[in-house]
Each structure stands twice: as structure tokens, then as C-alpha cells.
């Protein structure tokens, strides 16, 4: 059986990072450490969802869900990491799911 962790909510101002893009052939510079930002408050930063589904419900009308995977948190100087002296673990990757019900 697969190990599953479920997170119920995220702060609306949370910023996550997408996976870094594949390295381009012929480049000699250092590859990027992270991909683009995924800001929960800015829908323009969201790429196409990896999975999308919708269904009609008798109680709420159209219910739809979108999911993005392989996102990881953006580490900042303000978090718990600021005073860390021990080696840090690599941030865990996870999925973000957005559910929406019609009025």
C-alpha cells in the first residue's frame, strides 16, 4: 500500500514552486534550482492542471476539481529554516487540489 499524506488547507498567500525545467542541451551555465512560482492568490501563475474533472451534483450544481503535482514549498528567510544549524531535508513534493462548486 502506498504512503499517503493529506493536507486539508493552505494559507491563501502561500507560494509554491514548480519542478525545475529539464536542462537544455548545449548550455554551460548552472541549471536553475527551482521552477516557476505557483502563487495561490495569482491564477496567472498557475500552469495547466495535471488533472481536471467535473460532475453535476443535485445539491451544488457543477462541481469541478483541478490538481497540480510535484509542487514544493518556497523556503524563505522568515520561516523555521532561518536559524537551522542541522542539515535540512529536501522539501517534500506534493499535490495541490482546487475544488469549486457552482452557486
PDB file of N, CA and C in Angstrom:
ATOM      1  N   UNK A   1       0.838  -1.171   0.000  1.00  0.00           N
ATOM      2  CA  UNK A   1       0.000   0.000   0.000  1.00  0.00           C
ATOM      3  C   UNK A   1       0.889   1.241   0.000  1.00  0.00           C
ATOM      4  N   UNK A   2       0.517   2.255  -0.770  1.00  0.00           N
ATOM      5  CA  UNK A   2       1.299   3.484  -0.886  1.00  0.00           C
ATOM      6  C   UNK A   2       1.102   4.370   0.336  1.00  0.00           C
ATOM      7  N   UNK A   3       2.142   5.094   0.666  1.00  0.00           N
ATOM      8  CA  UNK A   3       2.082   6.038   1.779  1.00  0.00           C
ATOM      9  C   UNK A   3       1.412   7.320   1.286  1.00  0.00           C
ATOM     10  N   UNK A   4       0.381   7.769   1.987  1.00  0.00           N
ATOM     11  CA  UNK A   4      -0.367   8.945   1.567  1.00  0.00           C
ATOM     12  C   UNK A   4      -0.444   9.932   2.722  1.00  0.00           C
ATOM     13  N   UNK A   5      -0.176  11.193   2.438  1.00  0.00           N
ATOM     14  CA  UNK A   5      -0.376  12.263   3.399  1.00  0.00           C
ATOM     15  C   UNK A   5      -1.392  13.218   2.811  1.00  0.00           C
ATOM     16  N   UNK A   6      -2.311  13.679   3.630  1.00  0.00           N
ATOM     17  CA  UNK A   6      -3.351  14.563   3.151  1.00  0.00           C
ATOM     18  C   UNK A   6      -3.317  15.863   3.938  1.00  0.00           C
ATOM     19  N   UNK A   7      -3.283  16.961   3.238  1.00  0.00           N
ATOM     20  CA  UNK A   7      -3.295  18.275   3.858  1.00  0.00           C
ATOM     21  C   UNK A   7      -4.618  18.930   3.510  1.00  0.00           C
ATOM     22  N   UNK A   8      -5.329  19.406   4.505  1.00  0.00           N
ATOM     23  CA  UNK A   8      -6.660  19.939   4.268  1.00  0.00           C
ATOM     24  C   UNK A   8      -6.706  21.331   3.673  1.00  0.00           C
ATOM     25  N   UNK A   9      -5.849  22.230   4.145  1.00  0.00           N
ATOM     26  CA  UNK A   9      -5.906  23.612   3.693  1.00  0.00           C
ATOM     27  C   UNK A   9      -4.510  24.220   3.633  1.00  0.00           C
ATOM     28  N   UNK A  10      -4.374  25.222   2.791  1.00  0.00           N
ATOM     29  CA  UNK A  10      -3.158  26.019   2.723  1.00  0.00           C
ATOM     30  C   UNK A  10      -3.541  27.480   2.900  1.00  0.00           C
ATOM     31  N   UNK A  11      -2.632  28.270   3.436  1.00  0.00           N
ATOM     32  CA  UNK A  11      -2.904  29.706   3.511  1.00  0.00           C
ATOM     33  C   UNK A  11      -3.062  30.263   2.105  1.00  0.00           C
ATOM     34  N   UNK A  12      -3.939  31.216   1.944  1.00  0.00           N
ATOM     35  CA  UNK A  12      -4.218  31.747   0.613  1.00  0.00           C
ATOM     36  C   UNK A  12      -3.041  32.512   0.023  1.00  0.00           C
ATOM     37  N   UNK A  13      -2.128  33.004   0.856  1.00  0.00           N
ATOM     38  CA  UNK A  13      -0.982  33.743   0.326  1.00  0.00           C
ATOM     39  C   UNK A  13       0.256  32.869   0.140  1.00  0.00           C
ATOM     40  N   UNK A  14       0.093  31.574   0.212  1.00  0.00           N
ATOM     41  CA  UNK A  14       1.212  30.637   0.092  1.00  0.00           C
ATOM     42  C   UNK A  14       1.761  30.631  -1.330  1.00  0.00           C
ATOM     43  N   UNK A  15       3.067  30.507  -1.452  1.00  0.00           N
ATOM     44  CA  UNK A  15       3.723  30.413  -2.755  1.00  0.00           C
ATOM     45  C   UNK A  15       4.485  29.106  -2.800  1.00  0.00           C
ATOM     46  N   UNK A  16       4.233  28.319  -3.816  1.00  0.00           N
ATOM     47  CA  UNK A  16       4.917  27.043  -4.011  1.00  0.00           C
ATOM     48  C   UNK A  16       5.789  27.153  -5.250  1.00  0.00           C
ATOM     49  N   UNK A  17       6.622  26.167  -5.456  1.00  0.00           N
ATOM     50  CA  UNK A  17       7.484  26.144  -6.639  1.00  0.00           C
ATOM     51  C   UNK A  17       7.181  24.917  -7.481  1.00  0.00           C
ATOM     52  N   UNK A  18       7.184  25.128  -8.780  1.00  0.00           N
ATOM     53  CA  UNK A  18       7.034  24.022  -9.723  1.00  0.00           C
ATOM     54  C   UNK A  18       8.383  23.327  -9.857  1.00  0.00           C
ATOM     55  N   UNK A  19       8.410  22.111 -10.387  1.00  0.00           N
ATOM     56  CA  UNK A  19       9.703  21.439 -10.590  1.00  0.00           C
ATOM     57  C   UNK A  19      10.566  22.228 -11.579  1.00  0.00           C
ATOM     58  N   UNK A  20      11.864  22.103 -11.425  1.00  0.00           N
ATOM     59  CA  UNK A  20      12.738  22.824 -12.346  1.00  0.00           C
ATOM     60  C   UNK A  20      12.613  22.236 -13.748  1.00  0.00           C
ATOM     61  N   UNK A  21      12.767  23.082 -14.754  1.00  0.00           N
ATOM     62  CA  UNK A  21      12.653  22.583 -16.125  1.00  0.00           C
ATOM     63  C   UNK A  21      13.851  21.710 -16.481  1.00  0.00           C
ATOM     64  N   UNK A  22      13.698  20.825 -17.469  1.00  0.00           N
ATOM     65  CA  UNK A  22      14.842  19.992 -17.863  1.00  0.00           C
ATOM     66  C   UNK A  22      15.968  20.871 -18.430  1.00  0.00           C
ATOM     67  N   UNK A  23      17.166  20.414 -18.227  1.00  0.00           N
ATOM     68  CA  UNK A  23      18.324  21.177 -18.702  1.00  0.00           C
ATOM     69  C   UNK A  23      18.377  21.151 -20.226  1.00  0.00           C
ATOM     70  N   UNK A  24      18.642  22.301 -20.813  1.00  0.00           N
ATOM     71  CA  UNK A  24      18.714  22.404 -22.270  1.00  0.00           C
ATOM     72  C   UNK A  24      20.080  21.950 -22.754  1.00  0.00           C
ATOM     73  N   UNK A  25      20.092  21.268 -23.866  1.00  0.00           N
ATOM     74  CA  UNK A  25      21.362  20.806 -24.442  1.00  0.00           C
ATOM     75  C   UNK A  25      22.217  21.995 -24.868  1.00  0.00           C
ATOM     76  N   UNK A  26      23.499  21.865 -24.644  1.00  0.00           N
ATOM     77  CA  UNK A  26      24.430  22.895 -25.076  1.00  0.00           C
ATOM     78  C   UNK A  26      24.608  24.040 -24.104  1.00  0.00           C
ATOM     79  N   UNK A  27      23.923  24.040 -22.996  1.00  0.00           N
ATOM     80  CA  UNK A  27      24.108  25.124 -22.026  1.00  0.00           C
ATOM     81  C   UNK A  27      25.225  24.771 -21.054  1.00  0.00           C
ATOM     82  N   UNK A  28      25.990  25.760 -20.676  1.00  0.00           N
ATOM     83  CA  UNK A  28      27.099  25.516 -19.760  1.00  0.00           C
ATOM     84  C   UNK A  28      26.876  26.193 -18.411  1.00  0.00           C
ATOM     85  N   UNK A  29      25.871  27.020 -18.312  1.00  0.00           N
ATOM     86  CA  UNK A  29      25.621  27.708 -17.046  1.00  0.00           C
ATOM     87  C   UNK A  29      24.957  26.766 -16.043  1.00  0.00           C
ATOM     88  N   UNK A  30      24.911  27.223 -14.808  1.00  0.00           N
ATOM     89  CA  UNK A  30      24.318  26.431 -13.740  1.00  0.00           C
ATOM     90  C   UNK A  30      22.811  26.296 -13.994  1.00  0.00           C
ATOM     91  N   UNK A  31      22.262  25.081 -13.864  1.00  0.00           N
ATOM     92  CA  UNK A  31      20.818  24.925 -14.087  1.00  0.00           C
ATOM     93  C   UNK A  31      20.037  25.572 -12.947  1.00  0.00           C
ATOM     94  N   UNK A  32      18.800  25.969 -13.198  1.00  0.00           N
ATOM     95  CA  UNK A  32      18.003  26.578 -12.126  1.00  0.00           C
ATOM     96  C   UNK A  32      17.721  25.575 -11.018  1.00  0.00           C
ATOM     97  N   UNK A  33      17.637  26.062  -9.787  1.00  0.00           N
ATOM     98  CA  UNK A  33      17.368  25.183  -8.646  1.00  0.00           C
ATOM     99  C   UNK A  33      15.883  24.886  -8.513  1.00  0.00           C
ATOM    100  N   UNK A  34      15.043  25.814  -8.961  1.00  0.00           N
ATOM    101  CA  UNK A  34      13.600  25.657  -8.838  1.00  0.00           C
ATOM    102  C   UNK A  34      12.938  26.049 -10.146  1.00  0.00           C
ATOM    103  N   UNK A  35      11.700  25.623 -10.283  1.00  0.00           N
ATOM    104  CA  UNK A  35      10.911  26.048 -11.423  1.00  0.00           C
ATOM    105  C   UNK A  35      10.207  27.365 -11.122  1.00  0.00           C
ATOM    106  N   UNK A  36       9.205  27.665 -11.890  1.00  0.00           N
ATOM    107  CA  UNK A  36       8.459  28.909 -11.720  1.00  0.00           C
ATOM    108  C   UNK A  36       7.644  28.882 -10.436  1.00  0.00           C
ATOM    109  N   UNK A  37       7.214  30.067 -10.006  1.00  0.00           N
ATOM    110  CA  UNK A  37       6.384  30.171  -8.813  1.00  0.00           C
ATOM    111  C   UNK A  37       4.941  29.790  -9.123  1.00  0.00           C
ATOM    112  N   UNK A  38       4.280  29.235  -8.132  1.00  0.00           N
ATOM    113  CA  UNK A  38       2.865  28.889  -8.178  1.00  0.00           C
ATOM    114  C   UNK A  38       2.238  29.604  -6.986  1.00  0.00           C
ATOM    115  N   UNK A  39       1.750  30.838  -7.211  1.00  0.00           N
ATOM    116  CA  UNK A  39       1.161  31.638  -6.138  1.00  0.00           C
ATOM    117  C   UNK A  39      -0.334  31.355  -6.079  1.00  0.00           C
ATOM    118  N   UNK A  40      -0.807  30.947  -4.920  1.00  0.00           N
ATOM    119  CA  UNK A  40      -2.218  30.586  -4.790  1.00  0.00           C
ATOM    120  C   UNK A  40      -3.145  31.773  -5.048  1.00  0.00           C
ATOM    121  N   UNK A  41      -2.691  32.992  -4.772  1.00  0.00           N
ATOM    122  CA  UNK A  41      -3.542  34.164  -4.971  1.00  0.00           C
ATOM    123  C   UNK A  41      -3.510  34.700  -6.393  1.00  0.00           C
ATOM    124  N   UNK A  42      -2.590  34.212  -7.211  1.00  0.00           N
ATOM    125  CA  UNK A  42      -2.458  34.729  -8.582  1.00  0.00           C
ATOM    126  C   UNK A  42      -2.674  33.606  -9.589  1.00  0.00           C
ATOM    127  N   UNK A  43      -3.885  33.520 -10.114  1.00  0.00           N
ATOM    128  CA  UNK A  43      -4.214  32.446 -11.056  1.00  0.00           C
ATOM    129  C   UNK A  43      -3.364  32.503 -12.324  1.00  0.00           C
ATOM    130  N   UNK A  44      -2.792  33.653 -12.626  1.00  0.00           N
ATOM    131  CA  UNK A  44      -1.942  33.776 -13.817  1.00  0.00           C
ATOM    132  C   UNK A  44      -0.660  32.962 -13.681  1.00  0.00           C
ATOM    133  N   UNK A  45      -0.261  32.618 -12.452  1.00  0.00           N
ATOM    134  CA  UNK A  45       0.961  31.832 -12.250  1.00  0.00           C
ATOM    135  C   UNK A  45       0.700  30.335 -12.307  1.00  0.00           C
ATOM    136  N   UNK A  46      -0.542  29.925 -12.423  1.00  0.00           N
ATOM    137  CA  UNK A  46      -0.873  28.505 -12.441  1.00  0.00           C
ATOM    138  C   UNK A  46      -0.709  27.949 -13.848  1.00  0.00           C
ATOM    139  N   UNK A  47       0.062  26.898 -14.028  1.00  0.00           N
ATOM    140  CA  UNK A  47       0.124  26.250 -15.350  1.00  0.00           C
ATOM    141  C   UNK A  47      -1.146  25.418 -15.565  1.00  0.00           C
ATOM    142  N   UNK A  48      -1.233  24.787 -16.700  1.00  0.00           N
ATOM    143  CA  UNK A  48      -2.364  23.891 -16.953  1.00  0.00           C
ATOM    144  C   UNK A  48      -2.361  22.799 -15.892  1.00  0.00           C
ATOM    145  N   UNK A  49      -3.526  22.471 -15.321  1.00  0.00           N
ATOM    146  CA  UNK A  49      -3.553  21.415 -14.301  1.00  0.00           C
ATOM    147  C   UNK A  49      -3.182  20.060 -14.890  1.00  0.00           C
ATOM    148  N   UNK A  50      -2.558  19.238 -14.061  1.00  0.00           N
ATOM    149  CA  UNK A  50      -2.194  17.888 -14.489  1.00  0.00           C
ATOM    150  C   UNK A  50      -3.447  17.025 -14.642  1.00  0.00           C
ATOM    151  N   UNK A  51      -4.438  17.276 -13.796  1.00  0.00           N
ATOM    152  CA  UNK A  51      -5.687  16.516 -13.831  1.00  0.00           C
ATOM    153  C   UNK A  51      -6.854  17.466 -13.624  1.00  0.00           C
ATOM    154  N   UNK A  52      -7.935  17.234 -14.355  1.00  0.00           N
ATOM    155  CA  UNK A  52      -9.151  18.035 -14.224  1.00  0.00           C
ATOM    156  C   UNK A  52     -10.345  17.095 -14.314  1.00  0.00           C
ATOM    157  N   UNK A  53     -11.350  17.354 -13.493  1.00  0.00           N
ATOM    158  CA  UNK A  53     -12.571  16.569 -13.559  1.00  0.00           C
ATOM    159  C   UNK A  53     -13.747  17.449 -13.133  1.00  0.00           C
ATOM    160  N   UNK A  54     -14.929  17.093 -13.566  1.00  0.00           N
ATOM    161  CA  UNK A  54     -16.124  17.820 -13.134  1.00  0.00           C
ATOM    162  C   UNK A  54     -17.321  16.877 -13.211  1.00  0.00           C
ATOM    163  N   UNK A  55     -18.310  17.180 -12.388  1.00  0.00           N
ATOM    164  CA  UNK A  55     -19.526  16.381 -12.360  1.00  0.00           C
ATOM    165  C   UNK A  55     -20.692  17.270 -11.936  1.00  0.00           C
ATOM    166  N   UNK A  56     -21.880  16.930 -12.357  1.00  0.00           N
ATOM    167  CA  UNK A  56     -23.071  17.673 -11.976  1.00  0.00           C
ATOM    168  C   UNK A  56     -23.660  17.031 -10.718  1.00  0.00           C
ATOM    169  N   UNK A  57     -23.891  17.839  -9.697  1.00  0.00           N
ATOM    170  CA  UNK A  57     -24.477  17.331  -8.461  1.00  0.00           C
ATOM    171  C   UNK A  57     -25.875  17.918  -8.301  1.00  0.00           C
ATOM    172  N   UNK A  58     -26.740  17.187  -7.623  1.00  0.00           N
ATOM    173  CA  UNK A  58     -28.106  17.675  -7.432  1.00  0.00           C
ATOM    174  C   UNK A  58     -28.151  18.799  -6.398  1.00  0.00           C
ATOM    175  N   UNK A  59     -27.210  18.838  -5.497  1.00  0.00           N
ATOM    176  CA  UNK A  59     -27.246  19.826  -4.425  1.00  0.00           C
ATOM    177  C   UNK A  59     -26.473  21.107  -4.744  1.00  0.00           C
ATOM    178  N   UNK A  60     -25.305  20.982  -5.390  1.00  0.00           N
ATOM    179  CA  UNK A  60     -24.441  22.138  -5.609  1.00  0.00           C
ATOM    180  C   UNK A  60     -24.288  22.549  -7.065  1.00  0.00           C
ATOM    181  N   UNK A  61     -24.894  21.855  -7.962  1.00  0.00           N
ATOM    182  CA  UNK A  61     -24.704  22.160  -9.378  1.00  0.00           C
ATOM    183  C   UNK A  61     -23.411  21.543  -9.878  1.00  0.00           C
ATOM    184  N   UNK A  62     -22.702  22.279 -10.712  1.00  0.00           N
ATOM    185  CA  UNK A  62     -21.458  21.759 -11.286  1.00  0.00           C
ATOM    186  C   UNK A  62     -20.339  21.818 -10.252  1.00  0.00           C
ATOM    187  N   UNK A  63     -19.740  20.677  -9.969  1.00  0.00           N
ATOM    188  CA  UNK A  63     -18.593  20.585  -9.074  1.00  0.00           C
ATOM    189  C   UNK A  63     -17.380  20.201  -9.913  1.00  0.00           C
ATOM    190  N   UNK A  64     -16.318  20.981  -9.792  1.00  0.00           N
ATOM    191  CA  UNK A  64     -15.123  20.681 -10.580  1.00  0.00           C
ATOM    192  C   UNK A  64     -13.896  20.661  -9.678  1.00  0.00           C
ATOM    193  N   UNK A  65     -12.880  19.948 -10.118  1.00  0.00           N
ATOM    194  CA  UNK A  65     -11.635  19.845  -9.362  1.00  0.00           C
ATOM    195  C   UNK A  65     -10.468  19.905 -10.333  1.00  0.00           C
ATOM    196  N   UNK A  66      -9.408  20.561  -9.889  1.00  0.00           N
ATOM    197  CA  UNK A  66      -8.172  20.645 -10.656  1.00  0.00           C
ATOM    198  C   UNK A  66      -7.035  20.209  -9.737  1.00  0.00           C
ATOM    199  N   UNK A  67      -5.997  19.624 -10.309  1.00  0.00           N
ATOM    200  CA  UNK A  67      -4.870  19.165  -9.497  1.00  0.00           C
ATOM    201  C   UNK A  67      -3.554  19.424 -10.220  1.00  0.00           C
ATOM    202  N   UNK A  68      -2.577  19.874  -9.442  1.00  0.00           N
ATOM    203  CA  UNK A  68      -1.213  20.064  -9.919  1.00  0.00           C
ATOM    204  C   UNK A  68      -0.319  19.224  -9.017  1.00  0.00           C
ATOM    205  N   UNK A  69       0.659  18.548  -9.589  1.00  0.00           N
ATOM    206  CA  UNK A  69       1.519  17.706  -8.763  1.00  0.00           C
ATOM    207  C   UNK A  69       2.971  18.147  -8.857  1.00  0.00           C
ATOM    208  N   UNK A  70       3.803  17.550  -7.982  1.00  0.00           N
ATOM    209  CA  UNK A  70       5.237  17.809  -7.889  1.00  0.00           C
ATOM    210  C   UNK A  70       5.557  19.248  -7.501  1.00  0.00           C
ATOM    211  N   UNK A  71       4.713  19.873  -6.677  1.00  0.00           N
ATOM    212  CA  UNK A  71       4.987  21.212  -6.160  1.00  0.00           C
ATOM    213  C   UNK A  71       5.712  21.092  -4.825  1.00  0.00           C
ATOM    214  N   UNK A  72       6.561  22.047  -4.516  1.00  0.00           N
ATOM    215  CA  UNK A  72       7.215  22.061  -3.213  1.00  0.00           C
ATOM    216  C   UNK A  72       7.191  23.476  -2.663  1.00  0.00           C
ATOM    217  N   UNK A  73       7.255  23.627  -1.343  1.00  0.00           N
ATOM    218  CA  UNK A  73       7.165  24.953  -0.744  1.00  0.00           C
ATOM    219  C   UNK A  73       8.397  25.805  -1.039  1.00  0.00           C
ATOM    220  N   UNK A  74       8.169  27.094  -1.140  1.00  0.00           N
ATOM    221  CA  UNK A  74       9.273  28.026  -1.295  1.00  0.00           C
ATOM    222  C   UNK A  74       9.824  28.317   0.092  1.00  0.00           C
ATOM    223  N   UNK A  75      11.098  28.068   0.299  1.00  0.00           N
ATOM    224  CA  UNK A  75      11.730  28.337   1.593  1.00  0.00           C
ATOM    225  C   UNK A  75      12.161  29.793   1.633  1.00  0.00           C
ATOM    226  N   UNK A  76      11.899  30.446   2.743  1.00  0.00           N
ATOM    227  CA  UNK A  76      12.263  31.854   2.878  1.00  0.00           C
ATOM    228  C   UNK A  76      13.090  32.051   4.129  1.00  0.00           C
ATOM    229  N   UNK A  77      13.638  33.215   4.279  1.00  0.00           N
ATOM    230  CA  UNK A  77      14.438  33.532   5.456  1.00  0.00           C
ATOM    231  C   UNK A  77      13.578  33.755   6.689  1.00  0.00           C
ATOM    232  N   UNK A  78      12.265  33.877   6.532  1.00  0.00           N
ATOM    233  CA  UNK A  78      11.399  34.162   7.666  1.00  0.00           C
ATOM    234  C   UNK A  78      10.893  32.903   8.356  1.00  0.00           C
ATOM    235  N   UNK A  79      11.028  31.768   7.720  1.00  0.00           N
ATOM    236  CA  UNK A  79      10.451  30.545   8.267  1.00  0.00           C
ATOM    237  C   UNK A  79      11.328  29.888   9.318  1.00  0.00           C
ATOM    238  N   UNK A  80      11.017  28.657   9.614  1.00  0.00           N
ATOM    239  CA  UNK A  80      11.740  27.886  10.615  1.00  0.00           C
ATOM    240  C   UNK A  80      13.172  27.622  10.175  1.00  0.00           C
ATOM    241  N   UNK A  81      13.420  27.747   8.905  1.00  0.00           N
ATOM    242  CA  UNK A  81      14.730  27.464   8.362  1.00  0.00           C
ATOM    243  C   UNK A  81      15.756  28.522   8.703  1.00  0.00           C
ATOM    244  N   UNK A  82      15.323  29.670   9.151  1.00  0.00           N
ATOM    245  CA  UNK A  82      16.235  30.793   9.371  1.00  0.00           C
ATOM    246  C   UNK A  82      17.343  30.451  10.365  1.00  0.00           C
ATOM    247  N   UNK A  83      17.007  29.846  11.495  1.00  0.00           N
ATOM    248  CA  UNK A  83      18.020  29.563  12.495  1.00  0.00           C
ATOM    249  C   UNK A  83      18.475  28.121  12.525  1.00  0.00           C
ATOM    250  N   UNK A  84      18.195  27.367  11.496  1.00  0.00           N
ATOM    251  CA  UNK A  84      18.537  25.944  11.482  1.00  0.00           C
ATOM    252  C   UNK A  84      20.044  25.755  11.411  1.00  0.00           C
ATOM    253  N   UNK A  85      20.573  24.913  12.311  1.00  0.00           N
ATOM    254  CA  UNK A  85      22.004  24.624  12.294  1.00  0.00           C
ATOM    255  C   UNK A  85      22.276  23.222  11.758  1.00  0.00           C
ATOM    256  N   UNK A  86      21.314  22.332  11.902  1.00  0.00           N
ATOM    257  CA  UNK A  86      21.464  20.969  11.399  1.00  0.00           C
ATOM    258  C   UNK A  86      21.168  20.946   9.901  1.00  0.00           C
ATOM    259  N   UNK A  87      21.694  19.945   9.192  1.00  0.00           N
ATOM    260  CA  UNK A  87      21.394  19.848   7.760  1.00  0.00           C
ATOM    261  C   UNK A  87      19.882  19.722   7.548  1.00  0.00           C
ATOM    262  N   UNK A  88      19.395  20.397   6.535  1.00  0.00           N
ATOM    263  CA  UNK A  88      17.968  20.402   6.257  1.00  0.00           C
ATOM    264  C   UNK A  88      17.596  19.289   5.294  1.00  0.00           C
ATOM    265  N   UNK A  89      16.397  18.778   5.446  1.00  0.00           N
ATOM    266  CA  UNK A  89      15.883  17.811   4.500  1.00  0.00           C
ATOM    267  C   UNK A  89      15.397  18.547   3.262  1.00  0.00           C
ATOM    268  N   UNK A  90      15.404  17.849   2.158  1.00  0.00           N
ATOM    269  CA  UNK A  90      14.863  18.415   0.925  1.00  0.00           C
ATOM    270  C   UNK A  90      13.362  18.598   1.115  1.00  0.00           C
ATOM    271  N   UNK A  91      12.801  19.736   0.698  1.00  0.00           N
ATOM    272  CA  UNK A  91      11.367  19.937   0.866  1.00  0.00           C
ATOM    273  C   UNK A  91      10.576  18.835   0.169  1.00  0.00           C
ATOM    274  N   UNK A  92       9.510  18.420   0.802  1.00  0.00           N
ATOM    275  CA  UNK A  92       8.673  17.379   0.220  1.00  0.00           C
ATOM    276  C   UNK A  92       7.857  17.918  -0.933  1.00  0.00           C
ATOM    277  N   UNK A  93       7.736  17.097  -1.928  1.00  0.00           N
ATOM    278  CA  UNK A  93       6.885  17.453  -3.058  1.00  0.00           C
ATOM    279  C   UNK A  93       5.489  16.954  -2.776  1.00  0.00           C
ATOM    280  N   UNK A  94       4.527  17.658  -3.283  1.00  0.00           N
ATOM    281  CA  UNK A  94       3.151  17.267  -3.055  1.00  0.00           C
ATOM    282  C   UNK A  94       2.259  17.744  -4.182  1.00  0.00           C
ATOM    283  N   UNK A  95       0.993  17.573  -3.965  1.00  0.00           N
ATOM    284  CA  UNK A  95      -0.002  17.986  -4.965  1.00  0.00           C
ATOM    285  C   UNK A  95      -0.913  19.026  -4.346  1.00  0.00           C
ATOM    286  N   UNK A  96      -1.392  19.922  -5.186  1.00  0.00           N
ATOM    287  CA  UNK A  96      -2.380  20.909  -4.791  1.00  0.00           C
ATOM    288  C   UNK A  96      -3.645  20.613  -5.569  1.00  0.00           C
ATOM    289  N   UNK A  97      -4.751  20.514  -4.849  1.00  0.00           N
ATOM    290  CA  UNK A  97      -6.036  20.269  -5.498  1.00  0.00           C
ATOM    291  C   UNK A  97      -6.957  21.435  -5.200  1.00  0.00           C
ATOM    292  N   UNK A  98      -7.662  21.898  -6.218  1.00  0.00           N
ATOM    293  CA  UNK A  98      -8.592  23.012  -6.066  1.00  0.00           C
ATOM    294  C   UNK A  98      -9.979  22.517  -6.436  1.00  0.00           C
ATOM    295  N   UNK A  99     -10.905  22.638  -5.501  1.00  0.00           N
ATOM    296  CA  UNK A  99     -12.291  22.218  -5.747  1.00  0.00           C
ATOM    297  C   UNK A  99     -13.179  23.457  -5.835  1.00  0.00           C
ATOM    298  N   UNK A 100     -14.143  23.418  -6.728  1.00  0.00           N
ATOM    299  CA  UNK A 100     -15.036  24.541  -6.923  1.00  0.00           C
ATOM    300  C   UNK A 100     -16.431  24.009  -7.175  1.00  0.00           C
ATOM    301  N   UNK A 101     -17.401  24.565  -6.465  1.00  0.00           N
ATOM    302  CA  UNK A 101     -18.806  24.185  -6.643  1.00  0.00           C
ATOM    303  C   UNK A 101     -19.586  25.384  -7.134  1.00  0.00           C
ATOM    304  N   UNK A 102     -20.444  25.164  -8.124  1.00  0.00           N
ATOM    305  CA  UNK A 102     -21.280  26.246  -8.644  1.00  0.00           C
ATOM    306  C   UNK A 102     -22.258  26.726  -7.592  1.00  0.00           C
ATOM    307  N   UNK A 103     -22.743  27.925  -7.741  1.00  0.00           N
ATOM    308  CA  UNK A 103     -23.646  28.509  -6.744  1.00  0.00           C
ATOM    309  C   UNK A 103     -25.028  27.921  -6.783  1.00  0.00           C
TER     310      UNK A 103
END
